[in-house]
Amino acid sequence: WIGVNSLQYYMGLLKTKLGVKKSFRCESGYVSQTGTATCTENGWIPNPLCTGKSLSVGGNCGQPPQIEDAVQDFKDRYEDGEKADYACPAFYIKEGDLTCTRGRWTGKHVSLISEPCTVDLKAMDDRKLQLRHIDTEKIYSTHGDNIEFSCKRGYRQGKDSVPFRQRCTNGHIDLPVCV
């Protein structure tokens, strides 16, 4: 068993194969429907993993669950139908909203799923690559952005290389190879 914060850390910083199932438990004040999460192309399901327990029978909610790496200033109590606002840091993309629904927090609330990609000069030099449009030593790209590469002068794309146009996906980007 691992705590939800550990699972979010695991999801965001280490790579997990699609279809892998992990057991987890919610932190104090939160509940889970299943206690097991499955890695999918769109993140972990079920989503949300944990929901806040209601403070009252009338459908109001207490504070929503903390979102790792998000900027948040949550109130102590929310009315039924009210959304909790949060923001993600630079190069991250917010996905979904947290909504108080009949005393439970519902909705998708993720920042880490959109981890930025970093490509540096050494990695490109090792593969005889250059950025197609930008002359810089390091490039940051948000989830979903495309980066285009080309071979340095005197080199050509390797036979088994990935295409020159690559997409940043959850902090990962494949690099082409020139020979």
N, C-alpha and C. Protein backbone atom coordinates (compact mmCIF):
# COMPACT_ATOMS: atom_id res chain seq x y z
N TRP A 1 0.83 -1.19 0.00
CA TRP A 1 0.00 0.00 0.00
C TRP A 1 0.87 1.24 0.00
N ILE A 2 0.47 2.21 -0.77
CA ILE A 2 1.18 3.48 -0.74
C ILE A 2 0.15 4.58 -0.62
N GLY A 3 0.52 5.67 0.01
CA GLY A 3 -0.39 6.80 0.18
C GLY A 3 -0.64 7.49 -1.15
N VAL A 4 -1.71 8.27 -1.21
CA VAL A 4 -2.06 8.96 -2.45
C VAL A 4 -0.95 9.90 -2.88
N ASN A 5 -0.35 10.63 -1.94
CA ASN A 5 0.73 11.54 -2.34
C ASN A 5 1.87 10.77 -2.97
N SER A 6 2.19 9.59 -2.44
CA SER A 6 3.25 8.77 -3.03
C SER A 6 2.84 8.30 -4.42
N LEU A 7 1.57 7.96 -4.61
CA LEU A 7 1.10 7.52 -5.91
C LEU A 7 1.19 8.66 -6.91
N GLN A 8 0.82 9.88 -6.50
CA GLN A 8 0.92 11.01 -7.40
C GLN A 8 2.38 11.28 -7.75
N TYR A 9 3.27 11.15 -6.78
CA TYR A 9 4.69 11.32 -7.03
C TYR A 9 5.16 10.26 -8.02
N TYR A 10 4.73 9.04 -7.80
CA TYR A 10 5.10 7.93 -8.68
C TYR A 10 4.60 8.20 -10.09
N MET A 11 3.33 8.68 -10.18
CA MET A 11 2.75 8.95 -11.50
C MET A 11 3.53 10.04 -12.22
N GLY A 12 3.88 11.09 -11.50
CA GLY A 12 4.43 12.26 -12.15
C GLY A 12 5.90 12.17 -12.50
N LEU A 13 6.71 11.48 -11.71
CA LEU A 13 8.14 11.55 -11.91
C LEU A 13 8.76 10.28 -12.48
N LEU A 14 8.13 9.16 -12.30
CA LEU A 14 8.65 7.91 -12.85
C LEU A 14 7.69 7.42 -13.92
N LYS A 15 8.17 6.70 -14.85
CA LYS A 15 7.31 6.20 -15.92
C LYS A 15 6.68 4.88 -15.50
N THR A 16 5.42 4.72 -15.82
CA THR A 16 4.67 3.52 -15.51
C THR A 16 4.06 3.00 -16.81
N LYS A 17 4.06 1.70 -16.99
CA LYS A 17 3.50 1.12 -18.20
C LYS A 17 1.99 1.18 -18.17
N LEU A 18 1.39 1.36 -19.34
CA LEU A 18 -0.06 1.37 -19.44
C LEU A 18 -0.62 0.04 -18.94
N GLY A 19 -1.72 0.09 -18.22
CA GLY A 19 -2.39 -1.10 -17.74
C GLY A 19 -1.93 -1.55 -16.36
N VAL A 20 -0.84 -0.97 -15.84
CA VAL A 20 -0.35 -1.34 -14.51
C VAL A 20 -1.36 -0.90 -13.46
N LYS A 21 -1.62 -1.78 -12.48
CA LYS A 21 -2.54 -1.46 -11.38
C LYS A 21 -1.75 -1.29 -10.11
N LYS A 22 -2.10 -0.29 -9.32
CA LYS A 22 -1.44 -0.01 -8.04
C LYS A 22 -2.49 0.15 -6.95
N SER A 23 -2.21 -0.42 -5.80
CA SER A 23 -3.08 -0.23 -4.64
C SER A 23 -2.68 1.06 -3.95
N PHE A 24 -3.64 1.73 -3.35
CA PHE A 24 -3.36 2.97 -2.62
C PHE A 24 -4.39 3.12 -1.52
N ARG A 25 -4.10 4.03 -0.61
CA ARG A 25 -5.08 4.40 0.41
C ARG A 25 -5.09 5.91 0.49
N CYS A 26 -6.22 6.43 0.85
CA CYS A 26 -6.39 7.87 0.92
C CYS A 26 -5.90 8.41 2.25
N GLU A 27 -5.48 9.67 2.23
CA GLU A 27 -5.06 10.32 3.45
C GLU A 27 -6.28 10.56 4.34
N SER A 28 -6.02 10.86 5.59
CA SER A 28 -7.08 11.11 6.56
C SER A 28 -8.04 12.18 6.05
N GLY A 29 -9.32 11.93 6.16
CA GLY A 29 -10.33 12.88 5.70
C GLY A 29 -10.82 12.65 4.29
N TYR A 30 -10.27 11.62 3.62
CA TYR A 30 -10.65 11.33 2.25
C TYR A 30 -10.98 9.85 2.10
N VAL A 31 -11.82 9.53 1.12
CA VAL A 31 -12.22 8.14 0.90
C VAL A 31 -12.02 7.77 -0.56
N SER A 32 -11.91 6.47 -0.80
CA SER A 32 -11.76 5.95 -2.16
C SER A 32 -12.86 4.92 -2.41
N GLN A 33 -13.32 4.85 -3.64
CA GLN A 33 -14.31 3.86 -4.01
C GLN A 33 -13.68 2.48 -4.20
N THR A 34 -12.40 2.46 -4.66
CA THR A 34 -11.80 1.17 -5.04
C THR A 34 -10.52 0.81 -4.29
N GLY A 35 -9.66 1.77 -4.02
CA GLY A 35 -8.37 1.48 -3.40
C GLY A 35 -7.34 0.96 -4.40
N THR A 36 -7.72 0.86 -5.69
CA THR A 36 -6.81 0.41 -6.74
C THR A 36 -6.90 1.39 -7.91
N ALA A 37 -5.75 1.75 -8.48
CA ALA A 37 -5.72 2.66 -9.62
C ALA A 37 -5.04 1.95 -10.80
N THR A 38 -5.49 2.27 -12.01
CA THR A 38 -4.93 1.70 -13.23
C THR A 38 -4.34 2.82 -14.08
N CYS A 39 -3.12 2.62 -14.58
CA CYS A 39 -2.44 3.60 -15.43
C CYS A 39 -3.02 3.52 -16.84
N THR A 40 -3.50 4.67 -17.36
CA THR A 40 -4.04 4.74 -18.71
C THR A 40 -3.34 5.86 -19.46
N GLU A 41 -3.62 6.00 -20.76
CA GLU A 41 -3.05 7.09 -21.55
C GLU A 41 -3.42 8.44 -21.00
N ASN A 42 -4.57 8.56 -20.36
CA ASN A 42 -5.07 9.83 -19.84
C ASN A 42 -4.84 9.99 -18.35
N GLY A 43 -3.95 9.20 -17.77
CA GLY A 43 -3.68 9.31 -16.33
C GLY A 43 -4.23 8.09 -15.61
N TRP A 44 -4.35 8.22 -14.29
CA TRP A 44 -4.80 7.11 -13.45
C TRP A 44 -6.32 7.10 -13.35
N ILE A 45 -6.92 5.92 -13.41
CA ILE A 45 -8.36 5.79 -13.15
C ILE A 45 -8.52 4.84 -11.99
N PRO A 46 -9.50 5.03 -11.12
CA PRO A 46 -10.55 6.04 -11.23
C PRO A 46 -9.98 7.44 -10.98
N ASN A 47 -10.71 8.42 -11.46
CA ASN A 47 -10.32 9.79 -11.24
C ASN A 47 -11.55 10.57 -10.82
N PRO A 48 -11.59 11.14 -9.64
CA PRO A 48 -10.46 11.28 -8.71
C PRO A 48 -10.20 9.98 -7.95
N LEU A 49 -8.95 9.81 -7.50
CA LEU A 49 -8.60 8.64 -6.71
C LEU A 49 -9.29 8.69 -5.35
N CYS A 50 -9.27 9.86 -4.74
CA CYS A 50 -9.86 10.04 -3.41
C CYS A 50 -10.77 11.26 -3.44
N THR A 51 -11.82 11.21 -2.65
CA THR A 51 -12.71 12.36 -2.53
C THR A 51 -12.82 12.73 -1.06
N GLY A 52 -13.05 14.02 -0.81
CA GLY A 52 -13.18 14.51 0.56
C GLY A 52 -14.48 14.05 1.19
N LYS A 53 -14.43 13.81 2.49
CA LYS A 53 -15.65 13.45 3.23
C LYS A 53 -16.45 14.70 3.49
N SER A 54 -17.73 14.58 3.52
CA SER A 54 -18.62 15.71 3.75
C SER A 54 -18.55 16.17 5.20
N LEU A 55 -18.62 17.48 5.41
CA LEU A 55 -18.67 18.03 6.76
C LEU A 55 -20.08 17.99 7.33
N SER A 56 -21.08 17.93 6.46
CA SER A 56 -22.45 17.94 6.96
C SER A 56 -23.33 17.07 6.08
N VAL A 57 -24.51 16.77 6.56
CA VAL A 57 -25.44 15.93 5.83
C VAL A 57 -26.10 16.72 4.71
N GLY A 58 -26.09 18.05 4.77
CA GLY A 58 -26.79 18.90 3.83
C GLY A 58 -26.17 19.03 2.46
N GLY A 59 -25.12 18.29 2.15
CA GLY A 59 -24.54 18.32 0.82
C GLY A 59 -23.37 19.27 0.68
N ASN A 60 -22.97 19.96 1.73
CA ASN A 60 -21.80 20.82 1.66
C ASN A 60 -20.53 19.97 1.78
N CYS A 61 -19.42 20.53 1.34
CA CYS A 61 -18.14 19.82 1.40
C CYS A 61 -17.15 20.60 2.24
N GLY A 62 -16.22 19.87 2.83
CA GLY A 62 -15.09 20.49 3.50
C GLY A 62 -14.06 20.88 2.45
N GLN A 63 -12.82 21.07 2.89
CA GLN A 63 -11.76 21.42 1.94
C GLN A 63 -11.55 20.28 0.95
N PRO A 64 -11.29 20.61 -0.30
CA PRO A 64 -10.99 19.57 -1.29
C PRO A 64 -9.61 18.97 -1.03
N PRO A 65 -9.31 17.83 -1.66
CA PRO A 65 -7.99 17.23 -1.48
C PRO A 65 -6.90 18.16 -2.01
N GLN A 66 -5.74 18.12 -1.39
CA GLN A 66 -4.60 18.92 -1.85
C GLN A 66 -4.12 18.35 -3.19
N ILE A 67 -3.72 19.22 -4.07
CA ILE A 67 -3.26 18.81 -5.39
C ILE A 67 -1.77 19.09 -5.46
N GLU A 68 -1.00 18.04 -5.63
CA GLU A 68 0.45 18.17 -5.65
C GLU A 68 0.89 19.10 -6.79
N ASP A 69 1.81 20.00 -6.49
CA ASP A 69 2.37 20.95 -7.45
C ASP A 69 1.35 21.91 -8.03
N ALA A 70 0.27 22.19 -7.30
CA ALA A 70 -0.71 23.17 -7.77
C ALA A 70 -0.73 24.36 -6.83
N VAL A 71 -1.08 25.52 -7.36
CA VAL A 71 -1.26 26.72 -6.55
C VAL A 71 -2.72 26.74 -6.14
N GLN A 72 -2.96 26.67 -4.84
CA GLN A 72 -4.34 26.56 -4.37
C GLN A 72 -4.53 27.35 -3.08
N ASP A 73 -5.70 27.91 -2.95
CA ASP A 73 -6.09 28.64 -1.75
C ASP A 73 -7.54 28.26 -1.46
N PHE A 74 -7.72 27.08 -0.88
CA PHE A 74 -9.06 26.53 -0.69
C PHE A 74 -9.73 27.09 0.57
N LYS A 75 -11.03 27.25 0.48
CA LYS A 75 -11.83 27.65 1.64
C LYS A 75 -12.04 26.42 2.54
N ASP A 76 -12.55 26.65 3.74
CA ASP A 76 -12.82 25.55 4.67
C ASP A 76 -14.11 24.80 4.32
N ARG A 77 -15.04 25.48 3.63
CA ARG A 77 -16.34 24.88 3.36
C ARG A 77 -16.88 25.36 2.01
N TYR A 78 -17.49 24.43 1.26
CA TYR A 78 -18.06 24.73 -0.05
C TYR A 78 -19.50 24.25 -0.10
N GLU A 79 -20.33 25.01 -0.81
CA GLU A 79 -21.74 24.66 -0.99
C GLU A 79 -21.86 23.64 -2.13
N ASP A 80 -22.97 22.90 -2.13
CA ASP A 80 -23.24 21.94 -3.20
C ASP A 80 -23.21 22.66 -4.55
N GLY A 81 -22.47 22.12 -5.52
CA GLY A 81 -22.37 22.71 -6.85
C GLY A 81 -21.23 23.72 -6.99
N GLU A 82 -20.61 24.12 -5.90
CA GLU A 82 -19.53 25.11 -5.95
C GLU A 82 -18.21 24.44 -6.37
N LYS A 83 -17.43 25.17 -7.17
CA LYS A 83 -16.14 24.65 -7.64
C LYS A 83 -15.00 25.24 -6.81
N ALA A 84 -13.99 24.42 -6.58
CA ALA A 84 -12.78 24.89 -5.90
C ALA A 84 -11.77 25.26 -6.98
N ASP A 85 -11.17 26.43 -6.85
CA ASP A 85 -10.26 26.91 -7.88
C ASP A 85 -8.82 26.60 -7.51
N TYR A 86 -8.05 26.22 -8.50
CA TYR A 86 -6.61 26.01 -8.34
C TYR A 86 -5.94 26.32 -9.66
N ALA A 87 -4.64 26.56 -9.61
CA ALA A 87 -3.87 26.86 -10.82
C ALA A 87 -2.62 25.98 -10.83
N CYS A 88 -2.08 25.78 -12.01
CA CYS A 88 -0.87 24.98 -12.16
C CYS A 88 0.31 25.89 -12.44
N PRO A 89 1.51 25.48 -12.05
CA PRO A 89 2.70 26.31 -12.30
C PRO A 89 3.02 26.40 -13.80
N ALA A 90 3.97 27.25 -14.13
CA ALA A 90 4.38 27.44 -15.52
C ALA A 90 4.76 26.10 -16.15
N PHE A 91 4.43 25.94 -17.42
CA PHE A 91 4.69 24.76 -18.23
C PHE A 91 3.82 23.56 -17.87
N TYR A 92 2.86 23.72 -16.96
CA TYR A 92 1.92 22.66 -16.62
C TYR A 92 0.55 23.10 -17.11
N ILE A 93 -0.29 22.14 -17.40
CA ILE A 93 -1.63 22.45 -17.89
C ILE A 93 -2.65 21.89 -16.92
N LYS A 94 -3.60 22.73 -16.54
CA LYS A 94 -4.67 22.30 -15.64
C LYS A 94 -5.67 21.47 -16.42
N GLU A 95 -6.09 20.36 -15.84
CA GLU A 95 -7.12 19.54 -16.46
C GLU A 95 -8.25 19.35 -15.47
N GLY A 96 -9.41 19.85 -15.80
CA GLY A 96 -10.60 19.59 -15.01
C GLY A 96 -10.82 20.55 -13.86
N ASP A 97 -11.89 20.28 -13.13
CA ASP A 97 -12.30 21.08 -11.98
C ASP A 97 -12.70 20.17 -10.84
N LEU A 98 -12.63 20.71 -9.64
CA LEU A 98 -13.15 20.03 -8.45
C LEU A 98 -14.49 20.66 -8.12
N THR A 99 -15.53 19.85 -8.00
CA THR A 99 -16.86 20.36 -7.72
C THR A 99 -17.44 19.64 -6.51
N CYS A 100 -18.05 20.41 -5.61
CA CYS A 100 -18.74 19.84 -4.46
C CYS A 100 -20.09 19.33 -4.95
N THR A 101 -20.30 18.02 -4.88
CA THR A 101 -21.54 17.41 -5.36
C THR A 101 -22.12 16.53 -4.27
N ARG A 102 -23.21 16.97 -3.69
CA ARG A 102 -23.91 16.23 -2.63
C ARG A 102 -22.96 15.75 -1.53
N GLY A 103 -22.10 16.66 -1.09
CA GLY A 103 -21.23 16.36 0.03
C GLY A 103 -19.93 15.65 -0.32
N ARG A 104 -19.67 15.45 -1.60
CA ARG A 104 -18.43 14.77 -2.02
C ARG A 104 -17.75 15.59 -3.10
N TRP A 105 -16.43 15.51 -3.15
CA TRP A 105 -15.68 16.18 -4.21
C TRP A 105 -15.65 15.28 -5.44
N THR A 106 -16.04 15.86 -6.57
CA THR A 106 -16.04 15.11 -7.83
C THR A 106 -15.27 15.90 -8.87
N GLY A 107 -14.90 15.21 -9.93
CA GLY A 107 -14.22 15.86 -11.05
C GLY A 107 -12.75 15.52 -11.10
N LYS A 108 -12.17 15.89 -12.20
CA LYS A 108 -10.76 15.65 -12.44
C LYS A 108 -9.97 16.81 -11.86
N HIS A 109 -8.88 16.53 -11.22
CA HIS A 109 -8.06 17.59 -10.63
C HIS A 109 -6.59 17.20 -10.72
N VAL A 110 -5.98 17.57 -11.85
CA VAL A 110 -4.62 17.12 -12.10
C VAL A 110 -3.77 18.29 -12.60
N SER A 111 -2.55 18.38 -12.08
CA SER A 111 -1.54 19.27 -12.64
C SER A 111 -0.38 18.46 -13.20
N LEU A 112 0.03 17.43 -12.50
CA LEU A 112 1.23 16.69 -12.87
C LEU A 112 1.11 15.92 -14.17
N ILE A 113 -0.12 15.61 -14.61
CA ILE A 113 -0.27 14.85 -15.84
C ILE A 113 0.30 15.62 -17.02
N SER A 114 0.46 16.91 -16.87
CA SER A 114 0.95 17.74 -17.96
C SER A 114 2.35 18.24 -17.69
N GLU A 115 3.19 17.35 -17.25
CA GLU A 115 4.57 17.68 -16.93
C GLU A 115 5.29 18.17 -18.18
N PRO A 116 6.11 19.22 -18.06
CA PRO A 116 6.81 19.73 -19.24
C PRO A 116 7.94 18.82 -19.69
N CYS A 117 8.36 18.97 -20.93
CA CYS A 117 9.50 18.23 -21.47
C CYS A 117 10.70 19.18 -21.53
N THR A 118 11.87 18.61 -21.34
CA THR A 118 13.11 19.37 -21.43
C THR A 118 14.03 18.66 -22.42
N VAL A 119 14.58 19.41 -23.34
CA VAL A 119 15.57 18.88 -24.28
C VAL A 119 16.81 19.74 -24.13
N ASP A 120 17.97 19.13 -23.88
CA ASP A 120 19.17 19.94 -23.69
C ASP A 120 20.20 19.68 -24.81
N LEU A 121 21.22 20.55 -24.85
CA LEU A 121 22.22 20.52 -25.90
C LEU A 121 22.99 19.21 -25.94
N LYS A 122 23.36 18.66 -24.78
CA LYS A 122 24.13 17.41 -24.75
C LYS A 122 23.35 16.27 -25.39
N ALA A 123 22.07 16.12 -25.02
CA ALA A 123 21.24 15.04 -25.59
C ALA A 123 21.15 15.19 -27.11
N MET A 124 21.04 16.44 -27.57
CA MET A 124 20.95 16.66 -29.02
C MET A 124 22.30 16.41 -29.69
N ASP A 125 23.40 16.85 -29.06
CA ASP A 125 24.74 16.61 -29.62
C ASP A 125 25.01 15.12 -29.77
N ASP A 126 24.63 14.35 -28.75
CA ASP A 126 24.85 12.89 -28.78
C ASP A 126 24.14 12.25 -29.97
N ARG A 127 23.06 12.85 -30.42
CA ARG A 127 22.27 12.30 -31.52
C ARG A 127 22.47 13.08 -32.82
N LYS A 128 23.43 14.01 -32.82
CA LYS A 128 23.76 14.85 -34.00
C LYS A 128 22.54 15.65 -34.46
N LEU A 129 21.77 16.18 -33.50
CA LEU A 129 20.54 16.91 -33.78
C LEU A 129 20.69 18.39 -33.51
N GLN A 130 19.79 19.14 -34.11
CA GLN A 130 19.61 20.55 -33.76
C GLN A 130 18.11 20.84 -33.82
N LEU A 131 17.71 21.90 -33.12
CA LEU A 131 16.30 22.30 -33.21
C LEU A 131 16.08 22.91 -34.58
N ARG A 132 14.97 22.62 -35.17
CA ARG A 132 14.72 23.09 -36.53
C ARG A 132 14.53 24.61 -36.59
N HIS A 133 13.88 25.20 -35.56
CA HIS A 133 13.54 26.62 -35.64
C HIS A 133 14.18 27.50 -34.58
N ILE A 134 14.74 26.92 -33.53
CA ILE A 134 15.22 27.74 -32.41
C ILE A 134 16.67 27.43 -32.13
N ASP A 135 17.47 28.47 -31.95
CA ASP A 135 18.88 28.30 -31.60
C ASP A 135 19.03 28.55 -30.10
N THR A 136 18.97 27.50 -29.31
CA THR A 136 19.07 27.61 -27.87
C THR A 136 19.69 26.34 -27.31
N GLU A 137 20.23 26.42 -26.11
CA GLU A 137 20.86 25.25 -25.50
C GLU A 137 19.85 24.35 -24.79
N LYS A 138 18.75 24.89 -24.37
CA LYS A 138 17.76 24.08 -23.64
C LYS A 138 16.37 24.58 -24.00
N ILE A 139 15.47 23.66 -24.24
CA ILE A 139 14.11 24.05 -24.58
C ILE A 139 13.13 23.37 -23.63
N TYR A 140 12.18 24.13 -23.18
CA TYR A 140 11.09 23.60 -22.36
C TYR A 140 9.84 23.61 -23.22
N SER A 141 9.08 22.57 -23.11
CA SER A 141 7.87 22.45 -23.91
C SER A 141 6.75 21.90 -23.03
N THR A 142 5.56 22.45 -23.17
CA THR A 142 4.43 21.96 -22.38
C THR A 142 3.85 20.70 -22.99
N HIS A 143 3.12 19.97 -22.17
CA HIS A 143 2.45 18.74 -22.60
C HIS A 143 1.60 19.04 -23.84
N GLY A 144 1.76 18.21 -24.85
CA GLY A 144 0.97 18.36 -26.07
C GLY A 144 1.65 19.18 -27.15
N ASP A 145 2.71 19.94 -26.80
CA ASP A 145 3.43 20.73 -27.80
C ASP A 145 4.28 19.83 -28.69
N ASN A 146 4.50 20.28 -29.92
CA ASN A 146 5.39 19.57 -30.84
C ASN A 146 6.72 20.30 -30.90
N ILE A 147 7.80 19.53 -31.01
CA ILE A 147 9.14 20.08 -31.21
C ILE A 147 9.68 19.46 -32.49
N GLU A 148 10.27 20.30 -33.35
CA GLU A 148 10.82 19.80 -34.60
C GLU A 148 12.35 19.87 -34.57
N PHE A 149 12.97 18.79 -35.03
CA PHE A 149 14.41 18.67 -35.06
C PHE A 149 14.88 18.54 -36.50
N SER A 150 16.18 18.69 -36.70
CA SER A 150 16.81 18.38 -37.98
C SER A 150 18.23 17.90 -37.68
N CYS A 151 18.86 17.29 -38.66
CA CYS A 151 20.23 16.81 -38.48
C CYS A 151 21.21 17.96 -38.63
N LYS A 152 22.30 17.86 -37.89
CA LYS A 152 23.38 18.82 -38.08
C LYS A 152 23.98 18.62 -39.47
N ARG A 153 24.66 19.65 -39.97
CA ARG A 153 25.27 19.61 -41.32
C ARG A 153 26.17 18.38 -41.43
N GLY A 154 26.00 17.62 -42.51
CA GLY A 154 26.83 16.45 -42.78
C GLY A 154 26.24 15.15 -42.24
N TYR A 155 25.10 15.21 -41.59
CA TYR A 155 24.47 14.01 -41.04
C TYR A 155 23.08 13.85 -41.66
N ARG A 156 22.57 12.63 -41.61
CA ARG A 156 21.21 12.36 -42.10
C ARG A 156 20.46 11.51 -41.07
N GLN A 157 19.17 11.49 -41.20
CA GLN A 157 18.34 10.76 -40.25
C GLN A 157 18.67 9.26 -40.28
N GLY A 158 18.82 8.67 -39.10
CA GLY A 158 19.11 7.25 -38.99
C GLY A 158 17.93 6.40 -39.46
N LYS A 159 18.24 5.22 -39.95
CA LYS A 159 17.24 4.31 -40.52
C LYS A 159 16.13 3.97 -39.52
N ASP A 160 16.50 3.71 -38.27
CA ASP A 160 15.52 3.31 -37.25
C ASP A 160 15.08 4.47 -36.36
N SER A 161 15.35 5.69 -36.77
CA SER A 161 15.05 6.87 -35.97
C SER A 161 13.55 7.18 -35.95
N VAL A 162 13.12 7.80 -34.87
CA VAL A 162 11.75 8.32 -34.81
C VAL A 162 11.69 9.55 -35.71
N PRO A 163 10.50 10.00 -36.12
CA PRO A 163 10.39 11.18 -36.99
C PRO A 163 10.98 12.44 -36.33
N PHE A 164 11.29 13.45 -37.16
CA PHE A 164 11.86 14.71 -36.66
C PHE A 164 10.86 15.53 -35.86
N ARG A 165 9.58 15.37 -36.11
CA ARG A 165 8.55 16.10 -35.36
C ARG A 165 8.06 15.20 -34.23
N GLN A 166 8.29 15.64 -32.98
CA GLN A 166 7.91 14.85 -31.81
C GLN A 166 7.02 15.66 -30.88
N ARG A 167 6.15 14.96 -30.16
CA ARG A 167 5.20 15.60 -29.24
C ARG A 167 5.60 15.33 -27.80
N CYS A 168 5.53 16.38 -26.97
CA CYS A 168 5.77 16.25 -25.53
C CYS A 168 4.54 15.59 -24.91
N THR A 169 4.75 14.45 -24.24
CA THR A 169 3.65 13.72 -23.61
C THR A 169 4.01 13.43 -22.16
N ASN A 170 3.36 14.14 -21.26
CA ASN A 170 3.55 13.93 -19.82
C ASN A 170 5.02 13.92 -19.41
N GLY A 171 5.79 14.88 -19.90
CA GLY A 171 7.19 15.00 -19.51
C GLY A 171 8.15 14.15 -20.31
N HIS A 172 7.66 13.46 -21.32
CA HIS A 172 8.53 12.58 -22.11
C HIS A 172 8.48 12.99 -23.59
N ILE A 173 9.65 13.00 -24.21
CA ILE A 173 9.72 13.22 -25.66
C ILE A 173 10.80 12.31 -26.22
N ASP A 174 10.49 11.63 -27.32
CA ASP A 174 11.46 10.79 -27.99
C ASP A 174 12.33 11.67 -28.88
N LEU A 175 13.62 11.39 -28.93
CA LEU A 175 14.52 12.16 -29.77
C LEU A 175 14.94 11.35 -30.99
N PRO A 176 14.89 11.98 -32.17
CA PRO A 176 15.39 11.30 -33.37
C PRO A 176 16.90 11.12 -33.29
N VAL A 177 17.45 10.36 -34.21
CA VAL A 177 18.90 10.11 -34.26
C VAL A 177 19.38 10.37 -35.69
N CYS A 178 20.50 11.06 -35.78
CA CYS A 178 21.14 11.29 -37.07
C CYS A 178 22.48 10.55 -37.10
N VAL A 179 22.84 10.08 -38.27
CA VAL A 179 24.11 9.34 -38.42
C VAL A 179 24.96 9.96 -39.52
